């Protein structure tokens, strides 16, 4: 990776701080989003008590993320990792009288501690294997030889993968992200400034190690793959705009981790930057999306037809095949292009509504622009010295086929739910999906059983009575 800046203290043989080109891109993202959120918060929280404290804590989160980005010493990186969650915790409790906010902060606190312990274990195992805490020295050792990993290094890779999964709110560790909407909207936007996506950054940093750790790759695929599918389907039936955006974030983080597991680290970096900008804007403009959702309810989309697949899928494949052939490195997995082709097919099948004319050429031109932008940006990020050259998963290998199967499952389930919305099976599935398959309800029960927390009363109660905790997260099937 191209280095822009290094800082080495006297008596040290390796840098303490190091800024690489990908680190600079993410740092620019963090600074930019942080600046926007500071200005937004001034208006959004006008008149609220504790605004100055909120703004100071927001800056603290951004500084902690910057420390992770700049660290070349593993212990310093670990300190920054812990500080990110510690500073975020106070922001989640800005409204301490909201039970769901306190519950989200409690679950996030416990999961963050498990994440910290996993990263600490990985750091100690890497120090044992290399005798150094220098990140650049450790990674250069993997780039310089093709020797198989030792048992300690395999376990370190597994712990790094687990750390990323915990930080990225993958199922069943996702509930805090959905409930964080109880915090002020700027907090949800701040998560995309290097907080929720810090797990993807960690995998990108350790790309030379993870490229040789097949067990760690499969751990990511087996958790992030199903989480991607389920979160995307749950998002499609969510009623609340902010909850839908939170589920979308969980799904997008799953896709980014899957890209890392396939060895497509440049694509994951591109995904991280693009998704962060889009989703931060989406949260800050959530009020406008409420209006758009209301208008869509007044003008519902036309119902899909099976016969449309006969022309949409071949047309989408024809549009994608040429860019895929031109911009794909030899032997690289084809799962991203398969995903793009199904996304284009979904766009072509989309009808504006039953109340407006359906302009096919508008959708076709949008699809062409989308494919061109994806291909050019992918090529640019692979050309620039952003990520060390590592071997990706084999084309049509087991990992590539696994991801394709997950993507096809998501597309098929979403299409069937759209095609037969009143079918008994579709209605039952929609109810289960709307409740998040009750996964977080069971996880919350387990969390409170192992580590209880006193939740504030959400309504006045008589003296001497405590509010039943179980009722706060219990889901009803009716």
Protein backbone atom coordinates (compact mmCIF):
# COMPACT_ATOMS: atom_id res chain seq x y z
CA UNK A 1 0.00 0.00 0.00
CA UNK A 2 1.19 3.51 -0.82
CA UNK A 3 2.27 5.33 2.38
CA UNK A 4 1.53 9.06 2.70
CA UNK A 5 2.91 9.61 6.20
CA UNK A 6 4.81 7.75 8.94
CA UNK A 7 5.82 8.71 12.47
CA UNK A 8 8.57 6.78 14.24
CA UNK A 9 9.52 7.66 17.81
CA UNK A 10 13.20 7.65 18.88
CA UNK A 11 14.33 4.17 19.88
CA UNK A 12 11.60 2.44 17.86
CA UNK A 13 12.48 0.30 14.84
CA UNK A 14 9.04 0.58 13.26
CA UNK A 15 6.53 3.41 12.83
CA UNK A 16 4.02 4.21 15.54
CA UNK A 17 1.66 5.98 13.14
CA UNK A 18 1.23 5.35 9.43
CA UNK A 19 -1.20 6.85 6.94
CA UNK A 20 -1.82 4.85 3.78
CA UNK A 21 -3.84 5.85 0.73
CA UNK A 22 -6.95 3.82 1.71
CA UNK A 23 -6.62 5.14 5.27
CA UNK A 24 -6.50 8.69 3.90
CA UNK A 25 -9.69 8.11 1.88
CA UNK A 26 -11.57 6.83 4.93
CA UNK A 27 -10.09 9.58 7.12
CA UNK A 28 -11.36 12.14 4.62
CA UNK A 29 -14.77 10.48 4.83
CA UNK A 30 -14.75 10.62 8.64
CA UNK A 31 -13.69 14.28 8.73
CA UNK A 32 -16.24 15.24 6.09
CA UNK A 33 -19.17 13.43 7.68
CA UNK A 34 -18.15 14.61 11.14
CA UNK A 35 -18.14 18.24 9.98
CA UNK A 36 -21.56 17.88 8.36
CA UNK A 37 -22.99 16.20 11.46
CA UNK A 38 -21.68 18.95 13.74
CA UNK A 39 -23.52 21.56 11.69
CA UNK A 40 -26.63 19.38 11.41
CA UNK A 41 -26.69 18.75 15.17
CA UNK A 42 -26.71 22.46 15.91
CA UNK A 43 -30.12 22.77 14.27
CA UNK A 44 -31.47 19.29 14.95
CA UNK A 45 -30.94 19.44 18.73
CA UNK A 46 -31.62 23.14 19.16
CA UNK A 47 -33.16 23.69 22.58
CA UNK A 48 -32.20 20.23 23.89
CA UNK A 49 -30.23 19.93 27.11
CA UNK A 50 -26.72 18.57 26.67
CA UNK A 51 -26.13 19.67 23.06
CA UNK A 52 -22.56 20.80 23.81
CA UNK A 53 -21.81 17.45 25.43
CA UNK A 54 -23.33 15.61 22.47
CA UNK A 55 -21.16 17.55 19.99
CA UNK A 56 -18.04 16.91 22.07
CA UNK A 57 -18.76 13.18 22.21
CA UNK A 58 -19.38 13.15 18.44
CA UNK A 59 -15.92 14.64 17.91
CA UNK A 60 -14.52 12.03 20.30
CA UNK A 61 -15.91 9.18 18.17
CA UNK A 62 -14.33 10.67 15.04
CA UNK A 63 -10.96 11.07 16.79
CA UNK A 64 -11.07 7.46 18.01
CA UNK A 65 -11.77 6.25 14.46
CA UNK A 66 -8.85 8.40 13.23
CA UNK A 67 -6.59 6.70 15.79
CA UNK A 68 -7.51 3.29 14.36
CA UNK A 69 -6.83 4.51 10.84
CA UNK A 70 -3.42 5.95 11.73
CA UNK A 71 -2.13 3.21 14.06
CA UNK A 72 0.75 1.03 12.91
CA UNK A 73 1.25 -0.41 16.41
CA UNK A 74 -1.21 -3.18 17.24
CA UNK A 75 -1.66 -2.08 20.85
CA UNK A 76 -2.41 1.47 19.71
CA UNK A 77 -4.88 0.10 17.17
CA UNK A 78 -6.54 -1.91 19.95
CA UNK A 79 -6.76 1.21 22.13
CA UNK A 80 -8.44 3.14 19.29
CA UNK A 81 -10.83 0.23 18.69
CA UNK A 82 -11.92 0.28 22.35
CA UNK A 83 -12.25 4.07 22.39
CA UNK A 84 -14.61 4.04 19.41
CA UNK A 85 -17.21 1.96 21.25
CA UNK A 86 -16.60 3.74 24.57
CA UNK A 87 -17.26 7.20 23.12
CA UNK A 88 -20.22 5.95 21.09
CA UNK A 89 -21.81 4.48 24.22
CA UNK A 90 -22.52 7.91 25.71
CA UNK A 91 -24.14 9.08 22.47
CA UNK A 92 -26.49 6.10 22.52
CA UNK A 93 -27.61 7.20 26.00
CA UNK A 94 -28.38 10.79 25.04
CA UNK A 95 -32.02 10.04 25.91
CA UNK A 96 -31.52 7.98 29.11
CA UNK A 97 -35.27 7.85 29.77
CA UNK A 98 -35.97 5.74 26.66
CA UNK A 99 -35.98 2.02 27.52
CA UNK A 100 -35.13 0.91 23.98
CA UNK A 101 -32.18 3.33 23.84
CA UNK A 102 -30.82 1.99 27.14
CA UNK A 103 -31.35 -1.59 25.98
CA UNK A 104 -29.55 -0.90 22.69
CA UNK A 105 -26.63 0.71 24.52
CA UNK A 106 -26.45 -2.23 26.95
CA UNK A 107 -26.32 -4.84 24.18
CA UNK A 108 -23.86 -2.74 22.19
CA UNK A 109 -21.65 -2.40 25.28
CA UNK A 110 -21.53 -6.15 25.89
CA UNK A 111 -20.93 -7.05 22.23
CA UNK A 112 -18.21 -4.41 22.04
CA UNK A 113 -16.44 -5.99 25.00
CA UNK A 114 -16.51 -9.40 23.28
CA UNK A 115 -15.18 -7.69 20.15
CA UNK A 116 -12.40 -6.05 22.16
CA UNK A 117 -11.43 -9.39 23.74
CA UNK A 118 -11.36 -11.10 20.34
CA UNK A 119 -9.11 -8.41 18.90
CA UNK A 120 -6.88 -8.55 21.99
CA UNK A 121 -6.51 -12.31 21.51
CA UNK A 122 -5.61 -11.80 17.84
CA UNK A 123 -3.01 -9.15 18.75
CA UNK A 124 -1.35 -11.39 21.33
CA UNK A 125 -1.30 -14.37 18.93
CA UNK A 126 0.28 -12.28 16.18
CA UNK A 127 2.86 -10.94 18.64
CA UNK A 128 3.66 -14.51 19.68
CA UNK A 129 4.07 -15.58 16.04
CA UNK A 130 6.15 -12.58 14.89
CA UNK A 131 7.71 -11.12 18.03
CA UNK A 132 6.52 -7.66 17.02
CA UNK A 133 3.51 -5.38 17.42
CA UNK A 134 4.27 -3.55 14.17
CA UNK A 135 1.36 -3.96 11.77
CA UNK A 136 3.44 -3.11 8.69
CA UNK A 137 6.17 -5.60 9.61
CA UNK A 138 3.67 -8.38 10.26
CA UNK A 139 1.81 -7.81 6.99
CA UNK A 140 5.03 -7.56 4.97
CA UNK A 141 6.02 -10.99 6.32
CA UNK A 142 2.87 -12.50 4.77
CA UNK A 143 3.41 -10.70 1.49
CA UNK A 144 7.04 -11.89 1.28
CA UNK A 145 6.41 -15.65 1.46
CA UNK A 146 3.84 -18.28 0.59
CA UNK A 147 4.34 -20.42 3.68
CA UNK A 148 1.20 -21.89 5.30
CA UNK A 149 -0.06 -20.23 8.44
CA UNK A 150 0.79 -21.63 11.84
CA UNK A 151 -1.94 -22.64 14.27
CA UNK A 152 -1.51 -19.36 16.19
CA UNK A 153 -1.89 -17.35 12.98
CA UNK A 154 -4.98 -19.32 11.96
CA UNK A 155 -6.58 -18.58 15.31
CA UNK A 156 -5.57 -14.92 15.03
CA UNK A 157 -7.30 -14.72 11.64
CA UNK A 158 -10.43 -16.36 13.08
CA UNK A 159 -10.50 -13.88 15.96
CA UNK A 160 -10.07 -10.95 13.55
CA UNK A 161 -12.99 -12.28 11.47
CA UNK A 162 -15.11 -12.64 14.64
CA UNK A 163 -14.19 -9.10 15.68
CA UNK A 164 -15.37 -7.75 12.33
CA UNK A 165 -18.63 -9.71 12.47
CA UNK A 166 -19.43 -8.43 15.96
CA UNK A 167 -18.71 -4.81 15.06
CA UNK A 168 -20.69 -4.98 11.79
CA UNK A 169 -24.00 -5.98 13.44
CA UNK A 170 -24.41 -9.31 11.70
CA UNK A 171 -27.09 -11.72 12.88
CA UNK A 172 -27.63 -12.62 15.66
CA UNK A 173 -25.61 -9.64 16.95
CA UNK A 174 -27.67 -7.05 15.06
CA UNK A 175 -30.38 -5.98 17.51
CA UNK A 176 -28.57 -2.96 18.95
CA UNK A 177 -28.28 -1.45 15.46
CA UNK A 178 -32.04 -1.66 14.88
CA UNK A 179 -32.82 -0.16 18.30
CA UNK A 180 -30.23 2.61 17.94
CA UNK A 181 -32.89 4.57 16.05
CA UNK A 182 -34.07 5.60 19.54
CA UNK A 183 -30.96 7.79 19.73
CA UNK A 184 -30.87 11.13 17.87
CA UNK A 185 -30.73 10.80 14.08
CA UNK A 186 -27.14 12.18 13.85
CA UNK A 187 -26.00 9.11 15.81
CA UNK A 188 -27.38 6.79 13.12
CA UNK A 189 -25.58 8.84 10.47
CA UNK A 190 -22.37 8.88 12.56
CA UNK A 191 -22.28 5.07 12.56
CA UNK A 192 -21.34 5.27 8.88
CA UNK A 193 -18.31 7.47 9.57
CA UNK A 194 -16.07 4.53 10.40
CA UNK A 195 -18.03 2.93 13.28
CA UNK A 196 -20.36 0.25 11.96
CA UNK A 197 -18.05 -0.25 8.95
CA UNK A 198 -14.90 -0.45 11.02
CA UNK A 199 -15.11 -4.25 10.84
CA UNK A 200 -14.69 -4.10 7.07
CA UNK A 201 -11.71 -1.79 7.47
CA UNK A 202 -10.13 -4.26 9.90
CA UNK A 203 -10.43 -7.05 7.32
CA UNK A 204 -8.92 -4.79 4.64
CA UNK A 205 -5.99 -3.94 6.94
CA UNK A 206 -5.27 -7.62 7.53
CA UNK A 207 -5.89 -8.69 3.93
CA UNK A 208 -2.51 -10.48 3.48
CA UNK A 209 -3.24 -12.62 6.55
CA UNK A 210 -6.89 -13.35 5.77
CA UNK A 211 -6.09 -14.27 2.16
CA UNK A 212 -4.30 -17.36 3.53
CA UNK A 213 -6.82 -18.19 6.28
CA UNK A 214 -9.57 -20.25 4.64
CA UNK A 215 -11.25 -21.05 7.96
CA UNK A 216 -11.63 -17.33 8.69
CA UNK A 217 -13.00 -16.73 5.19
CA UNK A 218 -15.65 -19.39 5.66
CA UNK A 219 -16.56 -18.08 9.11
CA UNK A 220 -17.34 -14.74 7.49
CA UNK A 221 -19.26 -16.31 4.62
CA UNK A 222 -21.36 -18.57 6.85
CA UNK A 223 -22.45 -15.70 9.10
CA UNK A 224 -22.45 -12.65 6.83
CA UNK A 225 -24.01 -14.49 3.85
CA UNK A 226 -27.27 -15.54 5.57
CA UNK A 227 -27.31 -12.24 7.49
CA UNK A 228 -27.19 -10.36 4.19
CA UNK A 229 -30.14 -12.31 2.79
CA UNK A 230 -32.32 -12.11 5.91
CA UNK A 231 -31.59 -8.44 6.67
CA UNK A 232 -32.42 -7.42 3.09
CA UNK A 233 -35.71 -9.35 3.18
CA UNK A 234 -36.65 -7.93 6.59
CA UNK A 235 -35.87 -4.44 5.31
CA UNK A 236 -38.37 -4.93 2.47
CA UNK A 237 -41.29 -5.42 4.91
CA UNK A 238 -40.31 -2.85 7.56
CA UNK A 239 -42.76 0.01 8.02
CA UNK A 240 -40.57 2.59 9.77
CA UNK A 241 -38.18 4.53 7.54
CA UNK A 242 -35.34 4.63 10.09
CA UNK A 243 -35.77 0.94 10.97
CA UNK A 244 -35.68 0.06 7.28
CA UNK A 245 -32.47 2.07 6.89
CA UNK A 246 -30.95 0.24 9.88
CA UNK A 247 -31.79 -3.16 8.39
CA UNK A 248 -30.35 -1.97 5.10
CA UNK A 249 -27.11 -1.10 6.87
CA UNK A 250 -26.90 -4.59 8.37
CA UNK A 251 -27.43 -6.10 4.92
CA UNK A 252 -24.86 -3.82 3.30
CA UNK A 253 -22.29 -4.60 5.97
CA UNK A 254 -22.91 -8.29 5.31
CA UNK A 255 -22.25 -7.75 1.62
CA UNK A 256 -19.06 -5.83 2.36
CA UNK A 257 -17.77 -8.63 4.61
CA UNK A 258 -18.64 -11.21 1.94
CA UNK A 259 -16.58 -9.21 -0.56
CA UNK A 260 -13.63 -9.37 1.84
CA UNK A 261 -14.08 -13.12 2.29
CA UNK A 262 -13.91 -13.51 -1.49
CA UNK A 263 -10.64 -11.57 -1.56
CA UNK A 264 -12.19 -8.55 -3.31
CA UNK A 265 -10.77 -6.00 -0.88
CA UNK A 266 -10.66 -3.13 -3.38
CA UNK A 267 -14.35 -3.64 -4.08
CA UNK A 268 -15.07 -3.74 -0.34
CA UNK A 269 -13.25 -0.41 0.12
CA UNK A 270 -15.26 1.14 -2.72
CA UNK A 271 -18.44 -0.28 -1.17
CA UNK A 272 -17.55 1.15 2.22
CA UNK A 273 -17.01 4.67 0.92
CA UNK A 274 -20.06 4.75 -1.34
CA UNK A 275 -22.40 3.20 1.22
CA UNK A 276 -21.23 5.51 4.00
CA UNK A 277 -21.98 8.63 1.98
CA UNK A 278 -25.33 7.34 0.76
CA UNK A 279 -26.59 6.01 4.06
CA UNK A 280 -25.49 9.03 6.13
CA UNK A 281 -27.43 11.22 3.71
CA UNK A 282 -30.41 8.84 3.88
CA UNK A 283 -30.59 9.08 7.68
CA UNK A 284 -30.24 12.86 7.71
CA UNK A 285 -33.02 13.16 5.12
CA UNK A 286 -35.27 10.54 6.75
CA UNK A 287 -38.08 13.08 7.04
CA UNK A 288 -38.22 13.47 3.27
CA UNK A 289 -38.30 9.70 2.88
CA UNK A 290 -41.36 9.54 5.13
CA UNK A 291 -43.11 11.84 2.68
CA UNK A 292 -41.98 9.73 -0.30
CA UNK A 293 -43.18 6.55 1.43
CA UNK A 294 -46.60 8.14 2.02
CA UNK A 295 -46.86 9.08 -1.65
CA UNK A 296 -45.86 5.56 -2.69
CA UNK A 297 -48.61 4.19 -0.48
CA UNK A 298 -51.11 6.40 -2.30
CA UNK A 299 -49.76 5.24 -5.66
CA UNK A 300 -48.74 1.58 -5.14
CA UNK A 301 -46.42 -0.06 -7.64
CA UNK A 302 -47.86 -2.35 -10.28
CA UNK A 303 -47.81 -6.05 -9.54
CA UNK A 304 -45.01 -8.07 -11.10
CA UNK A 305 -45.49 -10.97 -13.50
CA UNK A 306 -43.54 -14.19 -13.94
CA UNK A 307 -43.50 -13.68 -17.70
CA UNK A 308 -41.44 -10.51 -17.25
CA UNK A 309 -38.50 -12.62 -16.04
CA UNK A 310 -38.27 -14.13 -19.54
CA UNK A 311 -37.03 -10.83 -20.96
CA UNK A 312 -35.62 -9.01 -17.89
CA UNK A 313 -33.03 -11.64 -16.89
CA UNK A 314 -31.54 -12.17 -20.40
CA UNK A 315 -31.46 -8.42 -21.02
CA UNK A 316 -29.73 -7.76 -17.70
CA UNK A 317 -27.18 -10.51 -18.40
CA UNK A 318 -26.52 -9.06 -21.87
CA UNK A 319 -25.91 -5.59 -20.41
CA UNK A 320 -23.50 -6.91 -17.76
CA UNK A 321 -21.51 -9.51 -19.73
CA UNK A 322 -19.35 -7.06 -21.73
CA UNK A 323 -18.22 -4.92 -18.74
CA UNK A 324 -17.65 -8.11 -16.72
CA UNK A 325 -15.37 -9.47 -19.45
CA UNK A 326 -13.46 -6.17 -19.81
CA UNK A 327 -13.04 -5.23 -16.15
CA UNK A 328 -12.56 -8.59 -14.40
CA UNK A 329 -9.10 -9.87 -13.59
CA UNK A 330 -8.33 -13.42 -14.64
CA UNK A 331 -9.72 -16.04 -12.29
CA UNK A 332 -11.55 -13.46 -10.14
CA UNK A 333 -14.91 -14.48 -8.61
CA UNK A 334 -17.96 -13.58 -10.67
CA UNK A 335 -20.34 -13.22 -7.72
CA UNK A 336 -20.27 -9.36 -7.83
CA UNK A 337 -21.27 -9.35 -11.49
CA UNK A 338 -23.96 -11.93 -10.80
CA UNK A 339 -25.27 -9.64 -8.06
CA UNK A 340 -25.17 -6.67 -10.46
CA UNK A 341 -27.06 -8.56 -13.17
CA UNK A 342 -29.87 -9.49 -10.75
CA UNK A 343 -29.98 -5.91 -9.44
CA UNK A 344 -30.33 -4.65 -13.02
CA UNK A 345 -33.06 -7.21 -13.68
CA UNK A 346 -34.90 -5.97 -10.59
CA UNK A 347 -34.56 -2.39 -11.82
CA UNK A 348 -35.92 -3.30 -15.25
CA UNK A 349 -38.85 -5.14 -13.66
CA UNK A 350 -39.71 -2.24 -11.39
CA UNK A 351 -42.83 -0.32 -12.38
CA UNK A 352 -43.23 3.25 -11.23
CA UNK A 353 -46.85 2.82 -10.13
CA UNK A 354 -50.31 2.06 -11.37
CA UNK A 355 -51.04 5.80 -11.51
CA UNK A 356 -48.12 6.85 -13.71
CA UNK A 357 -46.92 5.77 -17.14
CA UNK A 358 -44.20 3.17 -17.08
CA UNK A 359 -41.23 4.57 -19.04
CA UNK A 360 -39.03 1.60 -19.91
CA UNK A 361 -36.25 3.67 -21.52
CA UNK A 362 -35.75 5.62 -18.29
CA UNK A 363 -35.05 2.41 -16.40
CA UNK A 364 -32.87 1.05 -19.19
CA UNK A 365 -30.72 4.19 -19.31
CA UNK A 366 -30.43 4.14 -15.50
CA UNK A 367 -29.28 0.52 -15.67
CA UNK A 368 -26.60 1.35 -18.28
CA UNK A 369 -25.29 4.24 -16.17
CA UNK A 370 -25.26 2.05 -13.05
CA UNK A 371 -23.30 -0.72 -14.79
CA UNK A 372 -20.83 1.74 -16.30
CA UNK A 373 -20.21 3.49 -12.99
CA UNK A 374 -19.70 0.18 -11.17
CA UNK A 375 -17.25 -1.11 -13.80
CA UNK A 376 -15.19 2.09 -13.99
CA UNK A 377 -15.00 2.61 -10.22
CA UNK A 378 -14.09 -1.04 -9.68
CA UNK A 379 -11.31 -0.74 -12.27
CA UNK A 380 -10.06 2.50 -10.69
CA UNK A 381 -9.87 1.07 -7.18
CA UNK A 382 -8.06 -2.04 -8.49
CA UNK A 383 -5.57 0.13 -10.40
CA UNK A 384 -4.66 2.45 -7.54
CA UNK A 385 -2.26 1.13 -4.84
CA UNK A 386 -4.98 0.84 -2.22
CA UNK A 387 -4.81 -2.76 -1.01
CA UNK A 388 -1.88 -5.21 -1.14
CA UNK A 389 -2.18 -7.66 -4.02
CA UNK A 390 -3.66 -10.84 -2.58
CA UNK A 391 -5.12 -13.93 -4.18
CA UNK A 392 -8.89 -13.83 -4.50
CA UNK A 393 -11.22 -16.81 -4.29
CA UNK A 394 -11.33 -19.06 -7.33
CA UNK A 395 -13.86 -18.33 -10.06
CA UNK A 396 -16.75 -20.80 -9.77
CA UNK A 397 -15.06 -22.18 -6.67
CA UNK A 398 -17.05 -23.22 -3.63
CA UNK A 399 -16.91 -19.73 -2.08
CA UNK A 400 -17.95 -18.04 -5.32
CA UNK A 401 -20.85 -20.47 -5.82
CA UNK A 402 -21.94 -20.07 -2.18
CA UNK A 403 -22.25 -16.30 -2.57
CA UNK A 404 -24.08 -16.68 -5.89
CA UNK A 405 -26.56 -19.05 -4.24
CA UNK A 406 -27.17 -16.55 -1.42
CA UNK A 407 -27.76 -13.75 -3.93
CA UNK A 408 -30.12 -15.89 -5.99
CA UNK A 409 -32.03 -16.85 -2.84
CA UNK A 410 -32.49 -13.19 -1.93
CA UNK A 411 -33.66 -12.22 -5.44
CA UNK A 412 -36.06 -15.15 -5.69
CA UNK A 413 -37.61 -14.62 -2.25
CA UNK A 414 -38.02 -10.87 -2.80
CA UNK A 415 -39.62 -11.44 -6.20
CA UNK A 416 -42.06 -14.04 -4.88
CA UNK A 417 -43.07 -11.79 -1.98
CA UNK A 418 -43.72 -9.03 -4.48
CA UNK A 419 -45.52 -11.29 -6.95
CA UNK A 420 -47.84 -12.99 -4.43
CA UNK A 421 -48.24 -10.47 -1.56
CA UNK A 422 -51.64 -11.85 -0.48
CA UNK A 423 -50.69 -15.50 -0.59
CA UNK A 424 -51.00 -17.27 2.79
CA UNK A 425 -47.33 -18.30 2.73
CA UNK A 426 -46.24 -14.77 1.77
CA UNK A 427 -48.33 -13.23 4.55
CA UNK A 428 -46.94 -15.66 7.13
CA UNK A 429 -43.38 -15.02 5.91
CA UNK A 430 -43.95 -11.25 5.97
CA UNK A 431 -45.16 -11.40 9.60
CA UNK A 432 -42.11 -13.39 10.64
CA UNK A 433 -39.79 -11.08 8.72
CA UNK A 434 -41.46 -7.99 10.18
CA UNK A 435 -40.61 -9.36 13.64
CA UNK A 436 -37.02 -9.99 12.55
CA UNK A 437 -37.65 -13.74 12.78
CA UNK A 438 -37.62 -13.17 16.56
CA UNK A 439 -33.84 -13.59 16.52
CA UNK A 440 -33.15 -10.45 18.51
CA UNK A 441 -35.93 -11.26 20.98
CA UNK A 442 -34.17 -14.51 21.92
CA UNK A 443 -30.77 -12.81 21.93
CA UNK A 444 -32.08 -10.05 24.21
CA UNK A 445 -33.54 -12.59 26.65
CA UNK A 446 -30.19 -14.35 26.78
CA UNK A 447 -28.35 -11.05 27.25
CA UNK A 448 -30.56 -9.92 30.11
CA UNK A 449 -30.38 -13.34 31.73
CA UNK A 450 -26.58 -13.29 31.72
CA UNK A 451 -26.14 -9.58 32.46
CA UNK A 452 -29.32 -7.79 33.61
CA UNK A 453 -29.73 -4.03 33.28
CA UNK A 454 -32.19 -1.72 34.99
CA UNK A 455 -34.31 -0.05 32.32
CA UNK A 456 -36.09 3.27 32.85
CA UNK A 457 -39.84 3.35 33.09
CA UNK A 458 -41.42 4.23 29.78
CA UNK A 459 -44.60 5.43 31.55
CA UNK A 460 -45.59 6.43 35.08
CA UNK A 461 -46.14 3.50 37.39
CA UNK A 462 -47.19 3.26 41.01
CA UNK A 463 -44.59 3.44 43.73
CA UNK A 464 -42.85 0.22 44.53
CA UNK A 465 -43.61 -1.37 41.16
CA UNK A 466 -40.93 -2.03 38.58
CA UNK A 467 -41.59 -2.26 34.89
CA UNK A 468 -41.35 -5.81 33.51
CA UNK A 469 -38.25 -5.95 31.34
CA UNK A 470 -39.47 -8.85 29.21
CA UNK A 471 -42.31 -6.79 27.77
CA UNK A 472 -39.92 -4.38 26.10
CA UNK A 473 -38.72 -6.84 23.52
CA UNK A 474 -41.36 -9.52 23.46
CA UNK A 475 -42.77 -9.98 19.94
CA UNK A 476 -46.38 -10.89 19.25
CA UNK A 477 -47.25 -13.18 16.38
CA UNK A 478 -50.71 -11.72 15.83
